[in-house]
Amino acid sequence: MAVVELEKVAREALLGDLRTFMDEELKTPLGQFDSEFLLDFLLERLGPAVYNQALLDAQAVLSARFESLSEDLTALEKLEPR
């Protein structure tokens, strides 16, 4: 899988969040270049694992929903006359 690509607006928001976090929590201010470099690294390393987990979560939700739909369809079956 390729590196996770973000929309420009989402990327800019994450860069701002990352700079704020680093400055406030770790007392390490980051410039634009450093924050972009760090975000790219995190997306490359963490992106696939987060993406794959999201797929598994979606699959579980859909599986439960399809099971529910199957039960609903079974409940609609008509008894055949003898």
PDB file of N, CA and C in Angstrom:
ATOM      1  N   MET A   1       0.849  -1.184   0.000  1.00  0.00           N
ATOM      2  CA  MET A   1       0.000   0.000   0.000  1.00  0.00           C
ATOM      3  C   MET A   1       0.883   1.232   0.000  1.00  0.00           C
ATOM      4  N   ALA A   2       0.477   2.218  -0.766  1.00  0.00           N
ATOM      5  CA  ALA A   2       1.203   3.483  -0.815  1.00  0.00           C
ATOM      6  C   ALA A   2       1.005   4.249   0.485  1.00  0.00           C
ATOM      7  N   VAL A   3       1.848   5.234   0.669  1.00  0.00           N
ATOM      8  CA  VAL A   3       1.731   6.099   1.839  1.00  0.00           C
ATOM      9  C   VAL A   3       0.367   6.784   1.804  1.00  0.00           C
ATOM     10  N   VAL A   4      -0.220   6.959   2.961  1.00  0.00           N
ATOM     11  CA  VAL A   4      -1.515   7.618   3.062  1.00  0.00           C
ATOM     12  C   VAL A   4      -1.389   9.045   2.552  1.00  0.00           C
ATOM     13  N   GLU A   5      -2.242   9.411   1.626  1.00  0.00           N
ATOM     14  CA  GLU A   5      -2.261  10.767   1.080  1.00  0.00           C
ATOM     15  C   GLU A   5      -3.411  11.532   1.717  1.00  0.00           C
ATOM     16  N   LEU A   6      -3.162  12.760   2.084  1.00  0.00           N
ATOM     17  CA  LEU A   6      -4.175  13.585   2.733  1.00  0.00           C
ATOM     18  C   LEU A   6      -4.570  14.754   1.844  1.00  0.00           C
ATOM     19  N   GLU A   7      -5.820  15.172   1.979  1.00  0.00           N
ATOM     20  CA  GLU A   7      -6.255  16.398   1.317  1.00  0.00           C
ATOM     21  C   GLU A   7      -5.439  17.553   1.890  1.00  0.00           C
ATOM     22  N   LYS A   8      -5.246  18.601   1.102  1.00  0.00           N
ATOM     23  CA  LYS A   8      -4.416  19.730   1.530  1.00  0.00           C
ATOM     24  C   LYS A   8      -4.921  20.347   2.836  1.00  0.00           C
ATOM     25  N   VAL A   9      -6.225  20.533   2.957  1.00  0.00           N
ATOM     26  CA  VAL A   9      -6.790  21.155   4.157  1.00  0.00           C
ATOM     27  C   VAL A   9      -6.539  20.266   5.383  1.00  0.00           C
ATOM     28  N   ALA A  10      -6.747  18.961   5.235  1.00  0.00           N
ATOM     29  CA  ALA A  10      -6.520  18.037   6.347  1.00  0.00           C
ATOM     30  C   ALA A  10      -5.042  18.006   6.730  1.00  0.00           C
ATOM     31  N   ARG A  11      -4.179  18.008   5.723  1.00  0.00           N
ATOM     32  CA  ARG A  11      -2.732  17.995   5.981  1.00  0.00           C
ATOM     33  C   ARG A  11      -2.307  19.248   6.740  1.00  0.00           C
ATOM     34  N   GLU A  12      -2.780  20.397   6.304  1.00  0.00           N
ATOM     35  CA  GLU A  12      -2.423  21.655   6.978  1.00  0.00           C
ATOM     36  C   GLU A  12      -2.921  21.657   8.424  1.00  0.00           C
ATOM     37  N   ALA A  13      -4.120  21.140   8.646  1.00  0.00           N
ATOM     38  CA  ALA A  13      -4.663  21.081  10.008  1.00  0.00           C
ATOM     39  C   ALA A  13      -3.808  20.161  10.884  1.00  0.00           C
ATOM     40  N   LEU A  14      -3.420  19.007  10.337  1.00  0.00           N
ATOM     41  CA  LEU A  14      -2.573  18.086  11.101  1.00  0.00           C
ATOM     42  C   LEU A  14      -1.200  18.680  11.381  1.00  0.00           C
ATOM     43  N   LEU A  15      -0.663  19.398  10.418  1.00  0.00           N
ATOM     44  CA  LEU A  15       0.634  20.039  10.643  1.00  0.00           C
ATOM     45  C   LEU A  15       0.542  21.046  11.785  1.00  0.00           C
ATOM     46  N   GLY A  16      -0.537  21.817  11.813  1.00  0.00           N
ATOM     47  CA  GLY A  16      -0.741  22.764  12.902  1.00  0.00           C
ATOM     48  C   GLY A  16      -0.889  22.056  14.239  1.00  0.00           C
ATOM     49  N   ASP A  17      -1.665  20.982  14.251  1.00  0.00           N
ATOM     50  CA  ASP A  17      -1.847  20.201  15.476  1.00  0.00           C
ATOM     51  C   ASP A  17      -0.515  19.615  15.951  1.00  0.00           C
ATOM     52  N   LEU A  18       0.273  19.109  15.018  1.00  0.00           N
ATOM     53  CA  LEU A  18       1.564  18.522  15.350  1.00  0.00           C
ATOM     54  C   LEU A  18       2.512  19.565  15.934  1.00  0.00           C
ATOM     55  N   ARG A  19       2.563  20.742  15.319  1.00  0.00           N
ATOM     56  CA  ARG A  19       3.421  21.817  15.845  1.00  0.00           C
ATOM     57  C   ARG A  19       2.977  22.243  17.236  1.00  0.00           C
ATOM     58  N   THR A  20       1.657  22.354  17.432  1.00  0.00           N
ATOM     59  CA  THR A  20       1.133  22.736  18.745  1.00  0.00           C
ATOM     60  C   THR A  20       1.470  21.678  19.785  1.00  0.00           C
ATOM     61  N   PHE A  21       1.258  20.422  19.437  1.00  0.00           N
ATOM     62  CA  PHE A  21       1.563  19.329  20.371  1.00  0.00           C
ATOM     63  C   PHE A  21       3.041  19.333  20.755  1.00  0.00           C
ATOM     64  N   MET A  22       3.895  19.399  19.756  1.00  0.00           N
ATOM     65  CA  MET A  22       5.336  19.357  20.032  1.00  0.00           C
ATOM     66  C   MET A  22       5.759  20.533  20.901  1.00  0.00           C
ATOM     67  N   ASP A  23       5.203  21.698  20.639  1.00  0.00           N
ATOM     68  CA  ASP A  23       5.571  22.895  21.402  1.00  0.00           C
ATOM     69  C   ASP A  23       5.026  22.837  22.831  1.00  0.00           C
ATOM     70  N   GLU A  24       3.753  22.508  22.980  1.00  0.00           N
ATOM     71  CA  GLU A  24       3.119  22.551  24.296  1.00  0.00           C
ATOM     72  C   GLU A  24       3.463  21.345  25.164  1.00  0.00           C
ATOM     73  N   GLU A  25       3.470  20.169  24.589  1.00  0.00           N
ATOM     74  CA  GLU A  25       3.678  18.955  25.382  1.00  0.00           C
ATOM     75  C   GLU A  25       5.150  18.583  25.541  1.00  0.00           C
ATOM     76  N   LEU A  26       5.927  18.810  24.498  1.00  0.00           N
ATOM     77  CA  LEU A  26       7.327  18.384  24.534  1.00  0.00           C
ATOM     78  C   LEU A  26       8.306  19.559  24.572  1.00  0.00           C
ATOM     79  N   LYS A  27       7.758  20.762  24.576  1.00  0.00           N
ATOM     80  CA  LYS A  27       8.596  21.969  24.607  1.00  0.00           C
ATOM     81  C   LYS A  27       9.642  21.953  23.493  1.00  0.00           C
ATOM     82  N   THR A  28       9.209  21.480  22.334  1.00  0.00           N
ATOM     83  CA  THR A  28      10.075  21.398  21.161  1.00  0.00           C
ATOM     84  C   THR A  28       9.377  22.046  19.979  1.00  0.00           C
ATOM     85  N   PRO A  29       9.592  23.339  19.774  1.00  0.00           N
ATOM     86  CA  PRO A  29       8.941  23.993  18.643  1.00  0.00           C
ATOM     87  C   PRO A  29       9.478  23.444  17.309  1.00  0.00           C
ATOM     88  N   LEU A  30       8.577  23.265  16.373  1.00  0.00           N
ATOM     89  CA  LEU A  30       8.948  22.782  15.040  1.00  0.00           C
ATOM     90  C   LEU A  30       8.630  23.839  13.999  1.00  0.00           C
ATOM     91  N   GLY A  31       9.510  23.967  13.040  1.00  0.00           N
ATOM     92  CA  GLY A  31       9.236  24.825  11.893  1.00  0.00           C
ATOM     93  C   GLY A  31       8.425  24.066  10.863  1.00  0.00           C
ATOM     94  N   GLN A  32       8.118  24.728   9.771  1.00  0.00           N
ATOM     95  CA  GLN A  32       7.304  24.125   8.709  1.00  0.00           C
ATOM     96  C   GLN A  32       7.967  22.869   8.142  1.00  0.00           C
ATOM     97  N   PHE A  33       9.247  22.984   7.788  1.00  0.00           N
ATOM     98  CA  PHE A  33       9.950  21.849   7.183  1.00  0.00           C
ATOM     99  C   PHE A  33       9.990  20.664   8.132  1.00  0.00           C
ATOM    100  N   ASP A  34      10.371  20.905   9.393  1.00  0.00           N
ATOM    101  CA  ASP A  34      10.459  19.814  10.366  1.00  0.00           C
ATOM    102  C   ASP A  34       9.111  19.161  10.629  1.00  0.00           C
ATOM    103  N   SER A  35       8.058  19.962  10.706  1.00  0.00           N
ATOM    104  CA  SER A  35       6.746  19.386  10.958  1.00  0.00           C
ATOM    105  C   SER A  35       6.277  18.565   9.761  1.00  0.00           C
ATOM    106  N   GLU A  36       6.566  19.017   8.546  1.00  0.00           N
ATOM    107  CA  GLU A  36       6.203  18.245   7.357  1.00  0.00           C
ATOM    108  C   GLU A  36       6.985  16.938   7.303  1.00  0.00           C
ATOM    109  N   PHE A  37       8.267  17.016   7.629  1.00  0.00           N
ATOM    110  CA  PHE A  37       9.108  15.821   7.644  1.00  0.00           C
ATOM    111  C   PHE A  37       8.586  14.811   8.659  1.00  0.00           C
ATOM    112  N   LEU A  38       8.245  15.282   9.861  1.00  0.00           N
ATOM    113  CA  LEU A  38       7.735  14.398  10.909  1.00  0.00           C
ATOM    114  C   LEU A  38       6.376  13.807  10.515  1.00  0.00           C
ATOM    115  N   LEU A  39       5.490  14.622   9.969  1.00  0.00           N
ATOM    116  CA  LEU A  39       4.185  14.117   9.545  1.00  0.00           C
ATOM    117  C   LEU A  39       4.340  13.049   8.459  1.00  0.00           C
ATOM    118  N   ASP A  40       5.208  13.306   7.485  1.00  0.00           N
ATOM    119  CA  ASP A  40       5.436  12.318   6.429  1.00  0.00           C
ATOM    120  C   ASP A  40       5.964  11.008   7.005  1.00  0.00           C
ATOM    121  N   PHE A  41       6.878  11.102   7.966  1.00  0.00           N
ATOM    122  CA  PHE A  41       7.415   9.910   8.618  1.00  0.00           C
ATOM    123  C   PHE A  41       6.304   9.148   9.336  1.00  0.00           C
ATOM    124  N   LEU A  42       5.475   9.867  10.108  1.00  0.00           N
ATOM    125  CA  LEU A  42       4.389   9.221  10.844  1.00  0.00           C
ATOM    126  C   LEU A  42       3.383   8.573   9.902  1.00  0.00           C
ATOM    127  N   LEU A  43       3.044   9.262   8.826  1.00  0.00           N
ATOM    128  CA  LEU A  43       2.103   8.693   7.863  1.00  0.00           C
ATOM    129  C   LEU A  43       2.679   7.444   7.202  1.00  0.00           C
ATOM    130  N   GLU A  44       3.963   7.483   6.902  1.00  0.00           N
ATOM    131  CA  GLU A  44       4.603   6.331   6.260  1.00  0.00           C
ATOM    132  C   GLU A  44       4.643   5.138   7.199  1.00  0.00           C
ATOM    133  N   ARG A  45       4.977   5.373   8.463  1.00  0.00           N
ATOM    134  CA  ARG A  45       5.146   4.277   9.409  1.00  0.00           C
ATOM    135  C   ARG A  45       3.844   3.840  10.062  1.00  0.00           C
ATOM    136  N   LEU A  46       2.993   4.811  10.434  1.00  0.00           N
ATOM    137  CA  LEU A  46       1.762   4.490  11.151  1.00  0.00           C
ATOM    138  C   LEU A  46       0.548   4.371  10.231  1.00  0.00           C
ATOM    139  N   GLY A  47       0.589   5.067   9.122  1.00  0.00           N
ATOM    140  CA  GLY A  47      -0.555   5.112   8.215  1.00  0.00           C
ATOM    141  C   GLY A  47      -1.090   3.745   7.825  1.00  0.00           C
ATOM    142  N   PRO A  48      -0.241   2.837   7.347  1.00  0.00           N
ATOM    143  CA  PRO A  48      -0.753   1.523   6.935  1.00  0.00           C
ATOM    144  C   PRO A  48      -1.419   0.750   8.080  1.00  0.00           C
ATOM    145  N   ALA A  49      -0.844   0.802   9.271  1.00  0.00           N
ATOM    146  CA  ALA A  49      -1.436   0.073  10.402  1.00  0.00           C
ATOM    147  C   ALA A  49      -2.791   0.664  10.782  1.00  0.00           C
ATOM    148  N   VAL A  50      -2.888   1.974  10.800  1.00  0.00           N
ATOM    149  CA  VAL A  50      -4.153   2.635  11.139  1.00  0.00           C
ATOM    150  C   VAL A  50      -5.183   2.357  10.049  1.00  0.00           C
ATOM    151  N   TYR A  51      -4.762   2.445   8.800  1.00  0.00           N
ATOM    152  CA  TYR A  51      -5.650   2.177   7.663  1.00  0.00           C
ATOM    153  C   TYR A  51      -6.171   0.738   7.716  1.00  0.00           C
ATOM    154  N   ASN A  52      -5.267  -0.207   7.948  1.00  0.00           N
ATOM    155  CA  ASN A  52      -5.677  -1.615   8.001  1.00  0.00           C
ATOM    156  C   ASN A  52      -6.629  -1.877   9.158  1.00  0.00           C
ATOM    157  N   GLN A  53      -6.383  -1.257  10.300  1.00  0.00           N
ATOM    158  CA  GLN A  53      -7.287  -1.428  11.437  1.00  0.00           C
ATOM    159  C   GLN A  53      -8.657  -0.843  11.128  1.00  0.00           C
ATOM    160  N   ALA A  54      -8.670   0.298  10.446  1.00  0.00           N
ATOM    161  CA  ALA A  54      -9.948   0.909  10.055  1.00  0.00           C
ATOM    162  C   ALA A  54     -10.724  -0.027   9.128  1.00  0.00           C
ATOM    163  N   LEU A  55     -10.016  -0.689   8.208  1.00  0.00           N
ATOM    164  CA  LEU A  55     -10.677  -1.654   7.329  1.00  0.00           C
ATOM    165  C   LEU A  55     -11.257  -2.819   8.121  1.00  0.00           C
ATOM    166  N   LEU A  56     -10.501  -3.319   9.086  1.00  0.00           N
ATOM    167  CA  LEU A  56     -11.002  -4.416   9.920  1.00  0.00           C
ATOM    168  C   LEU A  56     -12.219  -3.975  10.724  1.00  0.00           C
ATOM    169  N   ASP A  57     -12.182  -2.761  11.267  1.00  0.00           N
ATOM    170  CA  ASP A  57     -13.322  -2.240  12.021  1.00  0.00           C
ATOM    171  C   ASP A  57     -14.552  -2.106  11.125  1.00  0.00           C
ATOM    172  N   ALA A  58     -14.351  -1.584   9.915  1.00  0.00           N
ATOM    173  CA  ALA A  58     -15.462  -1.435   8.979  1.00  0.00           C
ATOM    174  C   ALA A  58     -16.016  -2.796   8.580  1.00  0.00           C
ATOM    175  N   GLN A  59     -15.118  -3.756   8.375  1.00  0.00           N
ATOM    176  CA  GLN A  59     -15.550  -5.104   8.017  1.00  0.00           C
ATOM    177  C   GLN A  59     -16.395  -5.713   9.131  1.00  0.00           C
ATOM    178  N   ALA A  60     -16.004  -5.514  10.381  1.00  0.00           N
ATOM    179  CA  ALA A  60     -16.762  -6.057  11.511  1.00  0.00           C
ATOM    180  C   ALA A  60     -18.151  -5.425  11.587  1.00  0.00           C
ATOM    181  N   VAL A  61     -18.219  -4.109  11.382  1.00  0.00           N
ATOM    182  CA  VAL A  61     -19.514  -3.415  11.416  1.00  0.00           C
ATOM    183  C   VAL A  61     -20.406  -3.910  10.289  1.00  0.00           C
ATOM    184  N   LEU A  62     -19.837  -4.009   9.086  1.00  0.00           N
ATOM    185  CA  LEU A  62     -20.628  -4.474   7.940  1.00  0.00           C
ATOM    186  C   LEU A  62     -21.054  -5.926   8.110  1.00  0.00           C
ATOM    187  N   SER A  63     -20.178  -6.749   8.647  1.00  0.00           N
ATOM    188  CA  SER A  63     -20.516  -8.149   8.871  1.00  0.00           C
ATOM    189  C   SER A  63     -21.694  -8.275   9.836  1.00  0.00           C
ATOM    190  N   ALA A  64     -21.654  -7.509  10.911  1.00  0.00           N
ATOM    191  CA  ALA A  64     -22.765  -7.536  11.874  1.00  0.00           C
ATOM    192  C   ALA A  64     -24.046  -7.036  11.224  1.00  0.00           C
ATOM    193  N   ARG A  65     -23.931  -6.008  10.411  1.00  0.00           N
ATOM    194  CA  ARG A  65     -25.116  -5.447   9.748  1.00  0.00           C
ATOM    195  C   ARG A  65     -25.692  -6.445   8.742  1.00  0.00           C
ATOM    196  N   PHE A  66     -24.831  -7.115   7.979  1.00  0.00           N
ATOM    197  CA  PHE A  66     -25.312  -8.108   7.023  1.00  0.00           C
ATOM    198  C   PHE A  66     -25.955  -9.288   7.738  1.00  0.00           C
ATOM    199  N   GLU A  67     -25.399  -9.672   8.879  1.00  0.00           N
ATOM    200  CA  GLU A  67     -25.999 -10.749   9.671  1.00  0.00           C
ATOM    201  C   GLU A  67     -27.398 -10.344  10.118  1.00  0.00           C
ATOM    202  N   SER A  68     -27.527  -9.093  10.558  1.00  0.00           N
ATOM    203  CA  SER A  68     -28.822  -8.572  10.984  1.00  0.00           C
ATOM    204  C   SER A  68     -29.805  -8.548   9.809  1.00  0.00           C
ATOM    205  N   LEU A  69     -29.329  -8.129   8.646  1.00  0.00           N
ATOM    206  CA  LEU A  69     -30.189  -8.108   7.454  1.00  0.00           C
ATOM    207  C   LEU A  69     -30.619  -9.525   7.072  1.00  0.00           C
ATOM    208  N   SER A  70     -29.690 -10.466   7.197  1.00  0.00           N
ATOM    209  CA  SER A  70     -30.019 -11.846   6.883  1.00  0.00           C
ATOM    210  C   SER A  70     -31.111 -12.368   7.815  1.00  0.00           C
ATOM    211  N   GLU A  71     -30.998 -12.033   9.101  1.00  0.00           N
ATOM    212  CA  GLU A  71     -32.028 -12.430  10.062  1.00  0.00           C
ATOM    213  C   GLU A  71     -33.369 -11.772   9.728  1.00  0.00           C
ATOM    214  N   ASP A  72     -33.335 -10.503   9.341  1.00  0.00           N
ATOM    215  CA  ASP A  72     -34.564  -9.801   8.965  1.00  0.00           C
ATOM    216  C   ASP A  72     -35.219 -10.457   7.748  1.00  0.00           C
ATOM    217  N   LEU A  73     -34.404 -10.841   6.766  1.00  0.00           N
ATOM    218  CA  LEU A  73     -34.948 -11.497   5.577  1.00  0.00           C
ATOM    219  C   LEU A  73     -35.532 -12.863   5.921  1.00  0.00           C
ATOM    220  N   THR A  74     -34.852 -13.595   6.783  1.00  0.00           N
ATOM    221  CA  THR A  74     -35.372 -14.893   7.210  1.00  0.00           C
ATOM    222  C   THR A  74     -36.721 -14.736   7.910  1.00  0.00           C
ATOM    223  N   ALA A  75     -36.852 -13.699   8.699  1.00  0.00           N
ATOM    224  CA  ALA A  75     -38.115 -13.451   9.427  1.00  0.00           C
ATOM    225  C   ALA A  75     -39.248 -13.144   8.457  1.00  0.00           C
ATOM    226  N   LEU A  76     -38.953 -12.661   7.262  1.00  0.00           N
ATOM    227  CA  LEU A  76     -39.983 -12.330   6.291  1.00  0.00           C
ATOM    228  C   LEU A  76     -40.438 -13.542   5.453  1.00  0.00           C
ATOM    229  N   GLU A  77     -39.722 -14.644   5.584  1.00  0.00           N
ATOM    230  CA  GLU A  77     -40.080 -15.822   4.786  1.00  0.00           C
ATOM    231  C   GLU A  77     -41.500 -16.276   5.141  1.00  0.00           C
ATOM    232  N   LYS A  78     -42.186 -16.723   4.110  1.00  0.00           N
ATOM    233  CA  LYS A  78     -43.551 -17.243   4.271  1.00  0.00           C
ATOM    234  C   LYS A  78     -43.484 -18.758   4.438  1.00  0.00           C
ATOM    235  N   LEU A  79     -44.311 -19.265   5.295  1.00  0.00           N
ATOM    236  CA  LEU A  79     -44.398 -20.717   5.447  1.00  0.00           C
ATOM    237  C   LEU A  79     -45.117 -21.287   4.235  1.00  0.00           C
ATOM    238  N   GLU A  80     -44.585 -22.375   3.751  1.00  0.00           N
ATOM    239  CA  GLU A  80     -45.201 -23.024   2.598  1.00  0.00           C
ATOM    240  C   GLU A  80     -46.345 -23.902   3.087  1.00  0.00           C
ATOM    241  N   PRO A  81     -47.472 -23.889   2.364  1.00  0.00           N
ATOM    242  CA  PRO A  81     -48.591 -24.750   2.783  1.00  0.00           C
ATOM    243  C   PRO A  81     -48.204 -26.207   2.603  1.00  0.00           C
ATOM    244  N   ARG A  82     -48.819 -27.041   3.451  1.00  0.00           N
ATOM    245  CA  ARG A  82     -48.533 -28.486   3.377  1.00  0.00           C
ATOM    246  C   ARG A  82     -49.516 -29.178   2.510  1.00  0.00           C
TER     247      ARG A  82
END
